[in-house]
Amino acid sequence: SFNALIRIASHSPDDFDNILRRWQGPIEAMEAAVAKLSEMDIVDCSRVAITGLSYGANLVNYGIAHSNLFRAAIDSGGGSYDPILYYIADDVFRDYTAPKILSLGMPEGDMLARYKRLSLALNASKVHTPLLINASDDEYMHDMQRLNTLRELKKPVEMFIYPDERHEKNQPRHRYSIYQRNVDWLNFWLNGKEDPDPAEAEQYK
């Protein structure tokens, strides 16, 4: 569970480099931690996964677009700051969160260059990490730009949408399904293992 102190620090709206440290800092910390643990023969640095919810999901999407560390990724809600978000998010995001916290505005002109530094969808050609998205039906539209961009580029990506859920999935059957799918996803991409249960055969196709 990585965080960035800069998230609670004040910043100038013109200092986007400093704002970007909210994403860069934790990813660099993960890279350093894995390198150290690999040096100590505690982990295999060729089989590292990243998962996250909310801000953690932001780090997942930023991480796989800006680092070659990860061999599997799971986004459980919260997504990426792709340009589509500006147009489909609520007024609180457009009027407060985007300009006041992220120094983002309408993704046009010079502002589009900021999205390019942050968005997974705009950096999809650099992504080589298989991505699983566990989305609620309240938020899945936020994921569509990067999902379709990755699919268009033939990148390994899947999204499952859970009905009647919001930011956090609370229905027990959905949570259980997510837990099972996450384990299968990591076993497949990190260990080359498939669940022998015939009921699970379709997902491996």
Protein backbone atom coordinates (compact mmCIF):
# COMPACT_ATOMS: atom_id res chain seq x y z
CA SER A 1 0.00 0.00 0.00
CA PHE A 2 2.00 2.94 -1.32
CA ASN A 3 1.08 6.59 -0.97
CA ALA A 4 2.66 9.93 -1.78
CA LEU A 5 3.05 12.72 0.78
CA ILE A 6 2.67 15.24 -2.02
CA ARG A 7 -1.02 14.31 -2.17
CA ILE A 8 -1.66 16.46 0.88
CA ALA A 9 0.84 19.18 0.07
CA SER A 10 -0.04 22.51 -1.50
CA HIS A 11 1.15 23.16 -5.00
CA SER A 12 1.10 25.72 -7.75
CA PRO A 13 -1.35 24.93 -10.56
CA ASP A 14 1.44 25.66 -13.01
CA ASP A 15 3.83 23.18 -11.38
CA PHE A 16 2.55 20.02 -13.02
CA ASP A 17 5.90 18.29 -12.53
CA ASN A 18 5.34 18.47 -8.78
CA ILE A 19 1.74 17.28 -9.09
CA LEU A 20 2.89 14.31 -11.14
CA ARG A 21 5.02 13.16 -8.20
CA ARG A 22 1.79 11.76 -6.70
CA TRP A 23 2.11 8.99 -9.26
CA GLN A 24 5.82 8.92 -9.98
CA GLY A 25 6.91 8.78 -6.34
CA PRO A 26 5.06 5.58 -5.36
CA ILE A 27 6.02 3.81 -8.60
CA GLU A 28 9.68 4.70 -8.10
CA ALA A 29 9.39 3.46 -4.51
CA MET A 30 7.97 0.14 -5.73
CA GLU A 31 10.80 -0.21 -8.25
CA ALA A 32 13.37 0.47 -5.54
CA ALA A 33 11.74 -1.97 -3.10
CA VAL A 34 11.56 -4.76 -5.66
CA ALA A 35 15.17 -4.16 -6.73
CA LYS A 36 16.31 -4.39 -3.10
CA LEU A 37 14.26 -7.52 -2.38
CA SER A 38 15.49 -9.13 -5.59
CA GLU A 39 19.09 -8.35 -4.63
CA MET A 40 18.42 -10.14 -1.33
CA ASP A 41 16.95 -13.15 -3.22
CA ILE A 42 13.58 -12.67 -1.52
CA VAL A 43 11.51 -11.99 -4.65
CA ASP A 44 11.69 -12.80 -8.35
CA CYS A 45 11.76 -9.42 -10.08
CA SER A 46 10.58 -11.03 -13.33
CA ARG A 47 7.24 -11.94 -11.73
CA VAL A 48 5.86 -8.83 -10.05
CA ALA A 49 2.20 -7.78 -10.07
CA ILE A 50 0.47 -4.55 -9.11
CA THR A 51 -3.11 -4.22 -7.88
CA GLY A 52 -5.16 -1.37 -6.50
CA LEU A 53 -8.48 0.30 -5.74
CA SER A 54 -9.23 4.02 -6.05
CA TYR A 55 -5.93 5.94 -5.81
CA GLY A 56 -4.30 2.53 -5.83
CA ALA A 57 -5.96 1.86 -9.20
CA ASN A 58 -4.59 5.19 -10.45
CA LEU A 59 -1.13 3.89 -9.55
CA VAL A 60 -1.83 0.59 -11.33
CA ASN A 61 -2.66 2.32 -14.59
CA TYR A 62 0.11 4.90 -14.33
CA GLY A 63 2.58 2.20 -13.33
CA ILE A 64 2.00 -0.12 -16.27
CA ALA A 65 2.18 2.82 -18.69
CA HIS A 66 5.40 4.26 -17.21
CA SER A 67 7.35 1.25 -15.90
CA ASN A 68 8.47 -2.13 -17.20
CA LEU A 69 8.44 -3.68 -13.74
CA PHE A 70 5.03 -5.32 -13.72
CA ARG A 71 4.06 -8.63 -15.37
CA ALA A 72 0.39 -8.55 -14.33
CA ALA A 73 -1.98 -5.83 -13.16
CA ILE A 74 -5.43 -5.60 -11.60
CA ASP A 75 -7.46 -2.37 -11.40
CA SER A 76 -10.38 -2.78 -8.98
CA GLY A 77 -11.94 0.64 -9.48
CA GLY A 78 -10.84 4.25 -9.70
CA GLY A 79 -9.12 3.96 -13.03
CA SER A 80 -6.94 6.37 -14.91
CA TYR A 81 -7.06 10.07 -15.66
CA ASP A 82 -7.85 9.61 -19.32
CA PRO A 83 -9.32 12.55 -21.28
CA ILE A 84 -12.75 10.90 -21.41
CA LEU A 85 -13.06 11.40 -17.64
CA TYR A 86 -13.34 15.17 -18.03
CA TYR A 87 -16.45 14.81 -20.18
CA ILE A 88 -18.31 12.10 -18.29
CA ALA A 89 -17.41 12.81 -14.65
CA ASP A 90 -19.66 14.83 -12.37
CA ASP A 91 -19.46 18.56 -11.78
CA VAL A 92 -17.45 18.12 -8.59
CA PHE A 93 -14.65 16.58 -10.62
CA ARG A 94 -14.78 19.21 -13.38
CA ASP A 95 -15.21 22.20 -11.09
CA TYR A 96 -13.04 21.26 -8.13
CA THR A 97 -11.04 18.03 -8.28
CA ALA A 98 -9.58 18.45 -11.76
CA PRO A 99 -8.52 22.13 -11.57
CA LYS A 100 -7.84 22.52 -7.82
CA ILE A 101 -6.21 19.20 -6.97
CA LEU A 102 -4.88 17.91 -10.28
CA SER A 103 -4.43 21.13 -12.25
CA LEU A 104 -6.28 19.55 -15.15
CA GLY A 105 -8.89 21.12 -17.39
CA MET A 106 -10.56 20.47 -20.71
CA PRO A 107 -8.19 18.09 -22.57
CA GLU A 108 -7.41 20.38 -25.47
CA GLY A 109 -4.38 22.39 -26.57
CA ASP A 110 -1.62 22.69 -23.99
CA MET A 111 -3.77 20.93 -21.37
CA LEU A 112 -3.81 17.77 -23.49
CA ALA A 113 -0.04 17.50 -22.98
CA ARG A 114 -0.67 17.11 -19.23
CA TYR A 115 -3.10 14.26 -19.83
CA LYS A 116 -0.51 12.67 -22.10
CA ARG A 117 1.91 12.48 -19.16
CA LEU A 118 -0.70 10.89 -16.88
CA SER A 119 -3.21 8.92 -18.94
CA LEU A 120 -2.89 5.22 -19.68
CA ALA A 121 -5.08 5.51 -22.80
CA LEU A 122 -2.73 8.09 -24.31
CA ASN A 123 0.27 5.86 -23.54
CA ALA A 124 -1.31 2.54 -24.43
CA SER A 125 1.33 1.68 -27.03
CA LYS A 126 3.88 1.47 -24.18
CA VAL A 127 1.81 -0.99 -22.13
CA HIS A 128 2.94 -4.62 -22.15
CA THR A 129 1.37 -5.68 -18.85
CA PRO A 130 -1.83 -7.78 -18.94
CA LEU A 131 -4.55 -5.72 -17.24
CA LEU A 132 -7.68 -6.99 -15.49
CA ILE A 133 -10.34 -4.37 -14.64
CA ASN A 134 -12.96 -5.18 -12.01
CA ALA A 135 -15.43 -2.36 -12.57
CA SER A 136 -18.68 -1.37 -10.92
CA ASP A 137 -21.58 -0.46 -13.17
CA ASP A 138 -21.47 2.98 -11.53
CA GLU A 139 -17.93 3.66 -12.81
CA TYR A 140 -17.16 1.43 -15.78
CA MET A 141 -17.66 4.24 -18.32
CA HIS A 142 -14.53 5.87 -16.88
CA ASP A 143 -12.58 2.81 -18.05
CA MET A 144 -13.80 2.70 -21.64
CA GLN A 145 -11.17 4.88 -23.30
CA ARG A 146 -8.24 2.85 -22.06
CA LEU A 147 -10.08 -0.47 -22.42
CA ASN A 148 -10.90 0.12 -26.09
CA THR A 149 -7.51 1.64 -26.84
CA LEU A 150 -5.74 -1.38 -25.38
CA ARG A 151 -8.06 -3.73 -27.26
CA GLU A 152 -7.48 -1.87 -30.51
CA LEU A 153 -3.74 -2.31 -30.02
CA LYS A 154 -4.19 -6.04 -29.27
CA LYS A 155 -2.96 -5.67 -25.70
CA PRO A 156 -4.03 -8.28 -23.12
CA VAL A 157 -6.91 -6.65 -21.22
CA GLU A 158 -10.22 -7.79 -19.78
CA MET A 159 -12.97 -5.93 -17.94
CA PHE A 160 -15.75 -7.42 -15.83
CA ILE A 161 -18.65 -5.19 -14.77
CA TYR A 162 -20.47 -5.81 -11.51
CA PRO A 163 -24.11 -4.62 -11.34
CA ASP A 164 -25.56 -2.47 -8.58
CA GLU A 165 -22.15 -1.56 -7.20
CA ARG A 166 -20.45 1.75 -6.59
CA HIS A 167 -16.84 2.71 -5.93
CA GLU A 168 -16.29 -0.26 -3.62
CA LYS A 169 -17.89 -3.57 -4.45
CA ASN A 170 -19.84 -4.70 -1.36
CA GLN A 171 -22.02 -7.62 -2.48
CA PRO A 172 -20.49 -10.82 -1.08
CA ARG A 173 -20.97 -12.85 -4.28
CA HIS A 174 -19.23 -10.11 -6.28
CA ARG A 175 -16.34 -9.89 -3.87
CA TYR A 176 -15.91 -13.65 -3.92
CA SER A 177 -15.99 -13.67 -7.71
CA ILE A 178 -13.35 -10.91 -7.81
CA TYR A 179 -11.11 -12.78 -5.35
CA GLN A 180 -11.29 -15.94 -7.45
CA ARG A 181 -10.70 -14.11 -10.72
CA ASN A 182 -7.76 -12.16 -9.28
CA VAL A 183 -6.05 -15.36 -8.11
CA ASP A 184 -6.63 -17.00 -11.50
CA TRP A 185 -5.30 -13.91 -13.30
CA LEU A 186 -2.11 -13.78 -11.25
CA ASN A 187 -1.55 -17.53 -11.42
CA PHE A 188 -1.90 -17.46 -15.19
CA TRP A 189 0.29 -14.44 -15.97
CA LEU A 190 2.92 -14.92 -13.25
CA ASN A 191 3.08 -18.70 -12.86
CA GLY A 192 1.69 -20.07 -16.13
CA LYS A 193 -0.93 -22.05 -14.18
CA GLU A 194 -4.55 -22.70 -15.17
CA ASP A 195 -7.38 -23.80 -12.88
CA PRO A 196 -8.22 -27.39 -13.92
CA ASP A 197 -11.91 -26.89 -13.08
CA PRO A 198 -13.83 -27.36 -16.39
CA ALA A 199 -16.09 -24.45 -15.39
CA GLU A 200 -13.08 -22.14 -15.63
CA ALA A 201 -11.87 -23.35 -19.04
CA GLU A 202 -13.58 -20.60 -21.05
CA GLN A 203 -11.65 -17.77 -19.40
CA TYR A 204 -8.31 -19.15 -20.56
CA LYS A 205 -9.39 -19.02 -24.20
